[in-house]
Every structure is written in C-alpha cells, then in structure tokens.
Amino acid sequence: MQFEAQIEIATRDGILNPESKAVLQALQSHNFAISRLEMNKRFYLSLESDSKENAMKTVQRACEELLANPIIEDYTIHIESAANNISSQDRLNNCSK
C-alpha cells in the first residue's frame, strides 16, 4: 500500500531558536507589530508499506534517526493512505525517547 506522511518538527518550548529570533527581529525592524514568531519544519513523504502501522513505524524511525533532534525538537506525524484516500491523522506528539 502507498501512504502519504506529513511530519512537523518544532523546537521545544523554552529552547531558543536563533532562526526564529532573527526573522522576528527583522520583521520588527521593518515596523511590523509582531511580538512572537515560531518557525517549524515540515516534511512530506510518500512511502510503500504493508500496513499503516508499519508505515508509521518507518516514519517515526526516520524522525528519531535523521529528521528531528530529539534533544531540542518535538515532532508530529500525520499518515494517510494514498490508495484509499482515507483520511486518518495518527499523531505522535513528543515521540522522541
């Protein structure tokens, strides 16, 4: 079966994100009245798997080993079956161990 996955990776609360800080300061220096800005990363994956559960395990492993820094980032995974176009949002918040 073919699956589509979306992964959102966010810096954990309390961890400084220098890129977000720089963008916020640039906006403020251009007189935008913005007081807070958060930047996240989003990945879109297509993968083949025999089940949704195994697809989730594969994507979770990719997050833990390569895509996210488990010390400073949390991630959320959304998996959808591409073959049946069945929308289901399995979320794994703070999946790092």
PDB file of N, CA and C in Angstrom:
ATOM      1  N   MET A   1       0.837  -1.185   0.000  1.00  0.00           N
ATOM      2  CA  MET A   1       0.000   0.000   0.000  1.00  0.00           C
ATOM      3  C   MET A   1       0.881   1.247   0.000  1.00  0.00           C
ATOM      4  N   GLN A   2       0.357   2.277  -0.619  1.00  0.00           N
ATOM      5  CA  GLN A   2       1.052   3.561  -0.664  1.00  0.00           C
ATOM      6  C   GLN A   2       0.498   4.471   0.436  1.00  0.00           C
ATOM      7  N   PHE A   3       1.388   5.148   1.136  1.00  0.00           N
ATOM      8  CA  PHE A   3       0.994   6.071   2.195  1.00  0.00           C
ATOM      9  C   PHE A   3       1.646   7.427   1.969  1.00  0.00           C
ATOM     10  N   GLU A   4       0.961   8.446   2.428  1.00  0.00           N
ATOM     11  CA  GLU A   4       1.479   9.811   2.418  1.00  0.00           C
ATOM     12  C   GLU A   4       1.646  10.231   3.875  1.00  0.00           C
ATOM     13  N   ALA A   5       2.781  10.811   4.187  1.00  0.00           N
ATOM     14  CA  ALA A   5       3.046  11.244   5.560  1.00  0.00           C
ATOM     15  C   ALA A   5       3.442  12.713   5.568  1.00  0.00           C
ATOM     16  N   GLN A   6       2.973  13.407   6.581  1.00  0.00           N
ATOM     17  CA  GLN A   6       3.409  14.772   6.856  1.00  0.00           C
ATOM     18  C   GLN A   6       4.046  14.765   8.235  1.00  0.00           C
ATOM     19  N   ILE A   7       5.194  15.374   8.327  1.00  0.00           N
ATOM     20  CA  ILE A   7       5.900  15.454   9.601  1.00  0.00           C
ATOM     21  C   ILE A   7       6.137  16.924   9.898  1.00  0.00           C
ATOM     22  N   GLU A   8       5.721  17.352  11.068  1.00  0.00           N
ATOM     23  CA  GLU A   8       6.010  18.714  11.505  1.00  0.00           C
ATOM     24  C   GLU A   8       6.971  18.630  12.682  1.00  0.00           C
ATOM     25  N   ILE A   9       8.061  19.363  12.570  1.00  0.00           N
ATOM     26  CA  ILE A   9       9.086  19.365  13.612  1.00  0.00           C
ATOM     27  C   ILE A   9       9.172  20.766  14.193  1.00  0.00           C
ATOM     28  N   ALA A  10       9.064  20.846  15.512  1.00  0.00           N
ATOM     29  CA  ALA A  10       9.059  22.141  16.197  1.00  0.00           C
ATOM     30  C   ALA A  10      10.089  22.132  17.321  1.00  0.00           C
ATOM     31  N   THR A  11      10.697  23.277  17.524  1.00  0.00           N
ATOM     32  CA  THR A  11      11.608  23.443  18.648  1.00  0.00           C
ATOM     33  C   THR A  11      10.800  23.389  19.940  1.00  0.00           C
ATOM     34  N   ARG A  12      11.304  22.663  20.909  1.00  0.00           N
ATOM     35  CA  ARG A  12      10.602  22.532  22.191  1.00  0.00           C
ATOM     36  C   ARG A  12      10.485  23.878  22.891  1.00  0.00           C
ATOM     37  N   ASP A  13       9.425  24.012  23.687  1.00  0.00           N
ATOM     38  CA  ASP A  13       9.236  25.223  24.482  1.00  0.00           C
ATOM     39  C   ASP A  13      10.454  25.440  25.373  1.00  0.00           C
ATOM     40  N   GLY A  14      10.868  26.679  25.462  1.00  0.00           N
ATOM     41  CA  GLY A  14      11.994  27.023  26.312  1.00  0.00           C
ATOM     42  C   GLY A  14      13.349  26.911  25.632  1.00  0.00           C
ATOM     43  N   ILE A  15      13.375  26.382  24.411  1.00  0.00           N
ATOM     44  CA  ILE A  15      14.629  26.265  23.670  1.00  0.00           C
ATOM     45  C   ILE A  15      14.710  27.426  22.686  1.00  0.00           C
ATOM     46  N   LEU A  16      15.811  28.147  22.706  1.00  0.00           N
ATOM     47  CA  LEU A  16      15.993  29.279  21.808  1.00  0.00           C
ATOM     48  C   LEU A  16      16.168  28.782  20.378  1.00  0.00           C
ATOM     49  N   ASN A  17      15.411  29.360  19.465  1.00  0.00           N
ATOM     50  CA  ASN A  17      15.554  29.069  18.042  1.00  0.00           C
ATOM     51  C   ASN A  17      16.124  30.328  17.388  1.00  0.00           C
ATOM     52  N   PRO A  18      17.431  30.349  17.121  1.00  0.00           N
ATOM     53  CA  PRO A  18      18.067  31.559  16.588  1.00  0.00           C
ATOM     54  C   PRO A  18      17.455  32.032  15.269  1.00  0.00           C
ATOM     55  N   GLU A  19      17.039  31.105  14.422  1.00  0.00           N
ATOM     56  CA  GLU A  19      16.448  31.499  13.142  1.00  0.00           C
ATOM     57  C   GLU A  19      15.134  32.242  13.359  1.00  0.00           C
ATOM     58  N   SER A  20      14.293  31.732  14.249  1.00  0.00           N
ATOM     59  CA  SER A  20      13.031  32.414  14.560  1.00  0.00           C
ATOM     60  C   SER A  20      13.296  33.798  15.142  1.00  0.00           C
ATOM     61  N   LYS A  21      14.273  33.873  16.030  1.00  0.00           N
ATOM     62  CA  LYS A  21      14.599  35.157  16.654  1.00  0.00           C
ATOM     63  C   LYS A  21      15.069  36.166  15.609  1.00  0.00           C
ATOM     64  N   ALA A  22      15.903  35.727  14.668  1.00  0.00           N
ATOM     65  CA  ALA A  22      16.417  36.625  13.630  1.00  0.00           C
ATOM     66  C   ALA A  22      15.297  37.123  12.719  1.00  0.00           C
ATOM     67  N   VAL A  23      14.385  36.240  12.345  1.00  0.00           N
ATOM     68  CA  VAL A  23      13.268  36.644  11.484  1.00  0.00           C
ATOM     69  C   VAL A  23      12.358  37.617  12.224  1.00  0.00           C
ATOM     70  N   LEU A  24      12.076  37.333  13.499  1.00  0.00           N
ATOM     71  CA  LEU A  24      11.244  38.234  14.298  1.00  0.00           C
ATOM     72  C   LEU A  24      11.887  39.618  14.390  1.00  0.00           C
ATOM     73  N   GLN A  25      13.178  39.659  14.670  1.00  0.00           N
ATOM     74  CA  GLN A  25      13.867  40.948  14.765  1.00  0.00           C
ATOM     75  C   GLN A  25      13.846  41.696  13.431  1.00  0.00           C
ATOM     76  N   ALA A  26      13.991  40.976  12.329  1.00  0.00           N
ATOM     77  CA  ALA A  26      13.938  41.619  11.008  1.00  0.00           C
ATOM     78  C   ALA A  26      12.558  42.204  10.748  1.00  0.00           C
ATOM     79  N   LEU A  27      11.514  41.460  11.084  1.00  0.00           N
ATOM     80  CA  LEU A  27      10.151  41.972  10.911  1.00  0.00           C
ATOM     81  C   LEU A  27       9.924  43.215  11.770  1.00  0.00           C
ATOM     82  N   GLN A  28      10.360  43.146  13.022  1.00  0.00           N
ATOM     83  CA  GLN A  28      10.182  44.286  13.918  1.00  0.00           C
ATOM     84  C   GLN A  28      10.975  45.502  13.444  1.00  0.00           C
ATOM     85  N   SER A  29      12.149  45.273  12.870  1.00  0.00           N
ATOM     86  CA  SER A  29      12.953  46.396  12.379  1.00  0.00           C
ATOM     87  C   SER A  29      12.331  47.050  11.141  1.00  0.00           C
ATOM     88  N   HIS A  30      11.409  46.340  10.504  1.00  0.00           N
ATOM     89  CA  HIS A  30      10.664  46.903   9.372  1.00  0.00           C
ATOM     90  C   HIS A  30       9.279  47.389   9.814  1.00  0.00           C
ATOM     91  N   ASN A  31       9.159  47.652  11.104  1.00  0.00           N
ATOM     92  CA  ASN A  31       7.946  48.226  11.699  1.00  0.00           C
ATOM     93  C   ASN A  31       6.708  47.337  11.622  1.00  0.00           C
ATOM     94  N   PHE A  32       6.899  46.025  11.595  1.00  0.00           N
ATOM     95  CA  PHE A  32       5.770  45.115  11.746  1.00  0.00           C
ATOM     96  C   PHE A  32       5.527  44.932  13.239  1.00  0.00           C
ATOM     97  N   ALA A  33       4.296  45.096  13.672  1.00  0.00           N
ATOM     98  CA  ALA A  33       3.951  44.990  15.094  1.00  0.00           C
ATOM     99  C   ALA A  33       3.726  43.522  15.456  1.00  0.00           C
ATOM    100  N   ILE A  34       4.770  42.750  15.355  1.00  0.00           N
ATOM    101  CA  ILE A  34       4.710  41.319  15.657  1.00  0.00           C
ATOM    102  C   ILE A  34       5.532  41.082  16.912  1.00  0.00           C
ATOM    103  N   SER A  35       4.937  40.404  17.889  1.00  0.00           N
ATOM    104  CA  SER A  35       5.632  40.202  19.159  1.00  0.00           C
ATOM    105  C   SER A  35       6.154  38.775  19.336  1.00  0.00           C
ATOM    106  N   ARG A  36       5.657  37.845  18.528  1.00  0.00           N
ATOM    107  CA  ARG A  36       6.080  36.451  18.688  1.00  0.00           C
ATOM    108  C   ARG A  36       6.086  35.772  17.324  1.00  0.00           C
ATOM    109  N   LEU A  37       7.073  34.924  17.098  1.00  0.00           N
ATOM    110  CA  LEU A  37       7.169  34.184  15.854  1.00  0.00           C
ATOM    111  C   LEU A  37       7.787  32.829  16.138  1.00  0.00           C
ATOM    112  N   GLU A  38       7.198  31.783  15.610  1.00  0.00           N
ATOM    113  CA  GLU A  38       7.757  30.439  15.720  1.00  0.00           C
ATOM    114  C   GLU A  38       7.894  29.866  14.320  1.00  0.00           C
ATOM    115  N   MET A  39       9.011  29.246  14.072  1.00  0.00           N
ATOM    116  CA  MET A  39       9.236  28.595  12.782  1.00  0.00           C
ATOM    117  C   MET A  39       9.370  27.100  13.010  1.00  0.00           C
ATOM    118  N   ASN A  40       8.693  26.332  12.173  1.00  0.00           N
ATOM    119  CA  ASN A  40       8.767  24.878  12.231  1.00  0.00           C
ATOM    120  C   ASN A  40       9.223  24.348  10.884  1.00  0.00           C
ATOM    121  N   LYS A  41       9.614  23.082  10.878  1.00  0.00           N
ATOM    122  CA  LYS A  41       9.962  22.398   9.630  1.00  0.00           C
ATOM    123  C   LYS A  41       8.831  21.428   9.308  1.00  0.00           C
ATOM    124  N   ARG A  42       8.551  21.252   8.017  1.00  0.00           N
ATOM    125  CA  ARG A  42       7.531  20.293   7.594  1.00  0.00           C
ATOM    126  C   ARG A  42       8.095  19.461   6.449  1.00  0.00           C
ATOM    127  N   PHE A  43       7.910  18.155   6.561  1.00  0.00           N
ATOM    128  CA  PHE A  43       8.348  17.214   5.535  1.00  0.00           C
ATOM    129  C   PHE A  43       7.125  16.480   5.000  1.00  0.00           C
ATOM    130  N   TYR A  44       7.128  16.209   3.701  1.00  0.00           N
ATOM    131  CA  TYR A  44       6.078  15.427   3.048  1.00  0.00           C
ATOM    132  C   TYR A  44       6.748  14.197   2.450  1.00  0.00           C
ATOM    133  N   LEU A  45       6.286  13.028   2.847  1.00  0.00           N
ATOM    134  CA  LEU A  45       6.886  11.780   2.389  1.00  0.00           C
ATOM    135  C   LEU A  45       5.841  10.889   1.738  1.00  0.00           C
ATOM    136  N   SER A  46       6.249  10.147   0.729  1.00  0.00           N
ATOM    137  CA  SER A  46       5.443   9.067   0.158  1.00  0.00           C
ATOM    138  C   SER A  46       6.217   7.789   0.409  1.00  0.00           C
ATOM    139  N   LEU A  47       5.533   6.770   0.884  1.00  0.00           N
ATOM    140  CA  LEU A  47       6.223   5.521   1.159  1.00  0.00           C
ATOM    141  C   LEU A  47       5.314   4.327   0.927  1.00  0.00           C
ATOM    142  N   GLU A  48       5.946   3.220   0.662  1.00  0.00           N
ATOM    143  CA  GLU A  48       5.260   1.950   0.450  1.00  0.00           C
ATOM    144  C   GLU A  48       5.406   1.140   1.731  1.00  0.00           C
ATOM    145  N   SER A  49       4.294   0.551   2.185  1.00  0.00           N
ATOM    146  CA  SER A  49       4.327  -0.284   3.383  1.00  0.00           C
ATOM    147  C   SER A  49       3.164  -1.257   3.330  1.00  0.00           C
ATOM    148  N   ASP A  50       3.304  -2.381   4.033  1.00  0.00           N
ATOM    149  CA  ASP A  50       2.231  -3.374   4.029  1.00  0.00           C
ATOM    150  C   ASP A  50       1.080  -3.006   4.952  1.00  0.00           C
ATOM    151  N   SER A  51       1.299  -2.054   5.863  1.00  0.00           N
ATOM    152  CA  SER A  51       0.224  -1.623   6.763  1.00  0.00           C
ATOM    153  C   SER A  51       0.484  -0.196   7.229  1.00  0.00           C
ATOM    154  N   LYS A  52      -0.571   0.418   7.709  1.00  0.00           N
ATOM    155  CA  LYS A  52      -0.447   1.775   8.241  1.00  0.00           C
ATOM    156  C   LYS A  52       0.455   1.788   9.472  1.00  0.00           C
ATOM    157  N   GLU A  53       0.331   0.759  10.285  1.00  0.00           N
ATOM    158  CA  GLU A  53       1.154   0.662  11.493  1.00  0.00           C
ATOM    159  C   GLU A  53       2.641   0.606  11.135  1.00  0.00           C
ATOM    160  N   ASN A  54       2.997  -0.190  10.132  1.00  0.00           N
ATOM    161  CA  ASN A  54       4.402  -0.279   9.727  1.00  0.00           C
ATOM    162  C   ASN A  54       4.878   1.004   9.050  1.00  0.00           C
ATOM    163  N   ALA A  55       3.993   1.654   8.310  1.00  0.00           N
ATOM    164  CA  ALA A  55       4.341   2.952   7.716  1.00  0.00           C
ATOM    165  C   ALA A  55       4.652   3.954   8.822  1.00  0.00           C
ATOM    166  N   MET A  56       3.833   3.964   9.866  1.00  0.00           N
ATOM    167  CA  MET A  56       4.056   4.870  10.991  1.00  0.00           C
ATOM    168  C   MET A  56       5.394   4.565  11.660  1.00  0.00           C
ATOM    169  N   LYS A  57       5.703   3.289  11.836  1.00  0.00           N
ATOM    170  CA  LYS A  57       6.977   2.912  12.456  1.00  0.00           C
ATOM    171  C   LYS A  57       8.165   3.379  11.618  1.00  0.00           C
ATOM    172  N   THR A  58       8.046   3.250  10.299  1.00  0.00           N
ATOM    173  CA  THR A  58       9.119   3.686   9.407  1.00  0.00           C
ATOM    174  C   THR A  58       9.338   5.189   9.509  1.00  0.00           C
ATOM    175  N   VAL A  59       8.251   5.942   9.474  1.00  0.00           N
ATOM    176  CA  VAL A  59       8.353   7.400   9.539  1.00  0.00           C
ATOM    177  C   VAL A  59       8.870   7.836  10.909  1.00  0.00           C
ATOM    178  N   GLN A  60       8.406   7.181  11.951  1.00  0.00           N
ATOM    179  CA  GLN A  60       8.878   7.520  13.293  1.00  0.00           C
ATOM    180  C   GLN A  60      10.382   7.268  13.410  1.00  0.00           C
ATOM    181  N   ARG A  61      10.841   6.167  12.845  1.00  0.00           N
ATOM    182  CA  ARG A  61      12.275   5.859  12.882  1.00  0.00           C
ATOM    183  C   ARG A  61      13.080   6.919  12.123  1.00  0.00           C
ATOM    184  N   ALA A  62      12.567   7.359  10.973  1.00  0.00           N
ATOM    185  CA  ALA A  62      13.240   8.414  10.206  1.00  0.00           C
ATOM    186  C   ALA A  62      13.346   9.692  11.033  1.00  0.00           C
ATOM    187  N   CYS A  63      12.285  10.007  11.768  1.00  0.00           N
ATOM    188  CA  CYS A  63      12.309  11.196  12.628  1.00  0.00           C
ATOM    189  C   CYS A  63      13.349  11.056  13.725  1.00  0.00           C
ATOM    190  N   GLU A  64      13.337   9.922  14.386  1.00  0.00           N
ATOM    191  CA  GLU A  64      14.238   9.715  15.516  1.00  0.00           C
ATOM    192  C   GLU A  64      15.698   9.661  15.098  1.00  0.00           C
ATOM    193  N   GLU A  65      15.970   9.099  13.912  1.00  0.00           N
ATOM    194  CA  GLU A  65      17.360   8.909  13.500  1.00  0.00           C
ATOM    195  C   GLU A  65      17.930  10.056  12.673  1.00  0.00           C
ATOM    196  N   LEU A  66      17.074  10.764  11.908  1.00  0.00           N
ATOM    197  CA  LEU A  66      17.622  11.749  10.980  1.00  0.00           C
ATOM    198  C   LEU A  66      16.915  13.095  10.942  1.00  0.00           C
ATOM    199  N   LEU A  67      15.617  13.114  10.965  1.00  0.00           N
ATOM    200  CA  LEU A  67      14.890  14.346  10.670  1.00  0.00           C
ATOM    201  C   LEU A  67      14.782  15.302  11.850  1.00  0.00           C
ATOM    202  N   ALA A  68      14.677  14.781  13.052  1.00  0.00           N
ATOM    203  CA  ALA A  68      14.492  15.627  14.238  1.00  0.00           C
ATOM    204  C   ALA A  68      15.666  15.459  15.200  1.00  0.00           C
ATOM    205  N   ASN A  69      15.941  16.511  15.929  1.00  0.00           N
ATOM    206  CA  ASN A  69      16.930  16.449  17.003  1.00  0.00           C
ATOM    207  C   ASN A  69      16.155  16.201  18.293  1.00  0.00           C
ATOM    208  N   PRO A  70      16.202  14.980  18.828  1.00  0.00           N
ATOM    209  CA  PRO A  70      15.359  14.637  19.979  1.00  0.00           C
ATOM    210  C   PRO A  70      15.670  15.422  21.249  1.00  0.00           C
ATOM    211  N   ILE A  71      16.791  16.103  21.289  1.00  0.00           N
ATOM    212  CA  ILE A  71      17.152  16.876  22.474  1.00  0.00           C
ATOM    213  C   ILE A  71      16.400  18.200  22.512  1.00  0.00           C
ATOM    214  N   ILE A  72      16.194  18.813  21.351  1.00  0.00           N
ATOM    215  CA  ILE A  72      15.587  20.149  21.329  1.00  0.00           C
ATOM    216  C   ILE A  72      14.308  20.243  20.501  1.00  0.00           C
ATOM    217  N   GLU A  73      13.904  19.146  19.841  1.00  0.00           N
ATOM    218  CA  GLU A  73      12.732  19.220  18.962  1.00  0.00           C
ATOM    219  C   GLU A  73      11.714  18.126  19.269  1.00  0.00           C
ATOM    220  N   ASP A  74      10.459  18.457  19.034  1.00  0.00           N
ATOM    221  CA  ASP A  74       9.352  17.502  19.075  1.00  0.00           C
ATOM    222  C   ASP A  74       8.809  17.382  17.660  1.00  0.00           C
ATOM    223  N   TYR A  75       8.136  16.289  17.383  1.00  0.00           N
ATOM    224  CA  TYR A  75       7.554  16.141  16.056  1.00  0.00           C
ATOM    225  C   TYR A  75       6.174  15.514  16.126  1.00  0.00           C
ATOM    226  N   THR A  76       5.399  15.794  15.083  1.00  0.00           N
ATOM    227  CA  THR A  76       4.058  15.246  14.933  1.00  0.00           C
ATOM    228  C   THR A  76       3.990  14.594  13.561  1.00  0.00           C
ATOM    229  N   ILE A  77       3.418  13.403  13.505  1.00  0.00           N
ATOM    230  CA  ILE A  77       3.294  12.664  12.250  1.00  0.00           C
ATOM    231  C   ILE A  77       1.826  12.506  11.906  1.00  0.00           C
ATOM    232  N   HIS A  78       1.491  12.792  10.646  1.00  0.00           N
ATOM    233  CA  HIS A  78       0.157  12.540  10.103  1.00  0.00           C
ATOM    234  C   HIS A  78       0.335  11.549   8.955  1.00  0.00           C
ATOM    235  N   ILE A  79      -0.394  10.436   9.004  1.00  0.00           N
ATOM    236  CA  ILE A  79      -0.310   9.410   7.952  1.00  0.00           C
ATOM    237  C   ILE A  79      -1.670   9.276   7.283  1.00  0.00           C
ATOM    238  N   GLU A  80      -1.645   9.177   5.969  1.00  0.00           N
ATOM    239  CA  GLU A  80      -2.877   8.979   5.201  1.00  0.00           C
ATOM    240  C   GLU A  80      -2.623   7.913   4.146  1.00  0.00           C
ATOM    241  N   SER A  81      -3.578   7.016   3.970  1.00  0.00           N
ATOM    242  CA  SER A  81      -3.488   6.007   2.930  1.00  0.00           C
ATOM    243  C   SER A  81      -3.739   6.662   1.582  1.00  0.00           C
ATOM    244  N   ALA A  82      -2.764   6.603   0.699  1.00  0.00           N
ATOM    245  CA  ALA A  82      -2.912   7.219  -0.622  1.00  0.00           C
ATOM    246  C   ALA A  82      -3.820   6.380  -1.515  1.00  0.00           C
ATOM    247  N   ALA A  83      -3.791   5.066  -1.375  1.00  0.00           N
ATOM    248  CA  ALA A  83      -4.566   4.171  -2.238  1.00  0.00           C
ATOM    249  C   ALA A  83      -6.066   4.332  -2.037  1.00  0.00           C
ATOM    250  N   ASN A  84      -6.479   4.430  -0.802  1.00  0.00           N
ATOM    251  CA  ASN A  84      -7.908   4.529  -0.498  1.00  0.00           C
ATOM    252  C   ASN A  84      -8.357   5.957  -0.248  1.00  0.00           C
ATOM    253  N   ASN A  85      -7.376   6.863  -0.212  1.00  0.00           N
ATOM    254  CA  ASN A  85      -7.662   8.261   0.110  1.00  0.00           C
ATOM    255  C   ASN A  85      -8.456   8.376   1.406  1.00  0.00           C
ATOM    256  N   ILE A  86      -8.107   7.529   2.362  1.00  0.00           N
ATOM    257  CA  ILE A  86      -8.746   7.544   3.675  1.00  0.00           C
ATOM    258  C   ILE A  86      -7.974   8.518   4.551  1.00  0.00           C
ATOM    259  N   SER A  87      -8.669   9.511   5.064  1.00  0.00           N
ATOM    260  CA  SER A  87      -8.008  10.496   5.901  1.00  0.00           C
ATOM    261  C   SER A  87      -8.025  10.032   7.346  1.00  0.00           C
ATOM    262  N   SER A  88      -6.855   9.803   7.865  1.00  0.00           N
ATOM    263  CA  SER A  88      -6.741   9.500   9.288  1.00  0.00           C
ATOM    264  C   SER A  88      -5.499  10.197   9.786  1.00  0.00           C
ATOM    265  N   GLN A  89      -5.602  10.835  10.905  1.00  0.00           N
ATOM    266  CA  GLN A  89      -4.477  11.597  11.430  1.00  0.00           C
ATOM    267  C   GLN A  89      -3.991  10.945  12.708  1.00  0.00           C
ATOM    268  N   ASP A  90      -3.002  10.089  12.531  1.00  0.00           N
ATOM    269  CA  ASP A  90      -2.368   9.483  13.691  1.00  0.00           C
ATOM    270  C   ASP A  90      -1.265  10.421  14.131  1.00  0.00           C
ATOM    271  N   ARG A  91      -1.354  10.870  15.335  1.00  0.00           N
ATOM    272  CA  ARG A  91      -0.386  11.845  15.823  1.00  0.00           C
ATOM    273  C   ARG A  91       0.473  11.218  16.907  1.00  0.00           C
ATOM    274  N   LEU A  92       1.741  11.491  16.790  1.00  0.00           N
ATOM    275  CA  LEU A  92       2.681  11.102  17.826  1.00  0.00           C
ATOM    276  C   LEU A  92       3.353  12.382  18.291  1.00  0.00           C
ATOM    277  N   ASN A  93       2.894  12.908  19.379  1.00  0.00           N
ATOM    278  CA  ASN A  93       3.478  14.132  19.921  1.00  0.00           C
ATOM    279  C   ASN A  93       4.594  13.762  20.877  1.00  0.00           C
ATOM    280  N   ASN A  94       5.670  14.499  20.751  1.00  0.00           N
ATOM    281  CA  ASN A  94       6.821  14.287  21.613  1.00  0.00           C
ATOM    282  C   ASN A  94       7.248  12.825  21.577  1.00  0.00           C
ATOM    283  N   CYS A  95       7.489  12.329  20.376  1.00  0.00           N
ATOM    284  CA  CYS A  95       7.780  10.915  20.167  1.00  0.00           C
ATOM    285  C   CYS A  95       9.205  10.529  20.502  1.00  0.00           C
ATOM    286  N   SER A  96      10.068  11.485  20.678  1.00  0.00           N
ATOM    287  CA  SER A  96      11.456  11.136  20.934  1.00  0.00           C
ATOM    288  C   SER A  96      11.592  10.480  22.290  1.00  0.00           C
ATOM    289  N   LYS A  97      12.571   9.615  22.382  1.00  0.00           N
ATOM    290  CA  LYS A  97      12.763   8.864  23.627  1.00  0.00           C
ATOM    291  C   LYS A  97      13.918   9.404  24.415  1.00  0.00           C
TER     292      LYS A  97
END
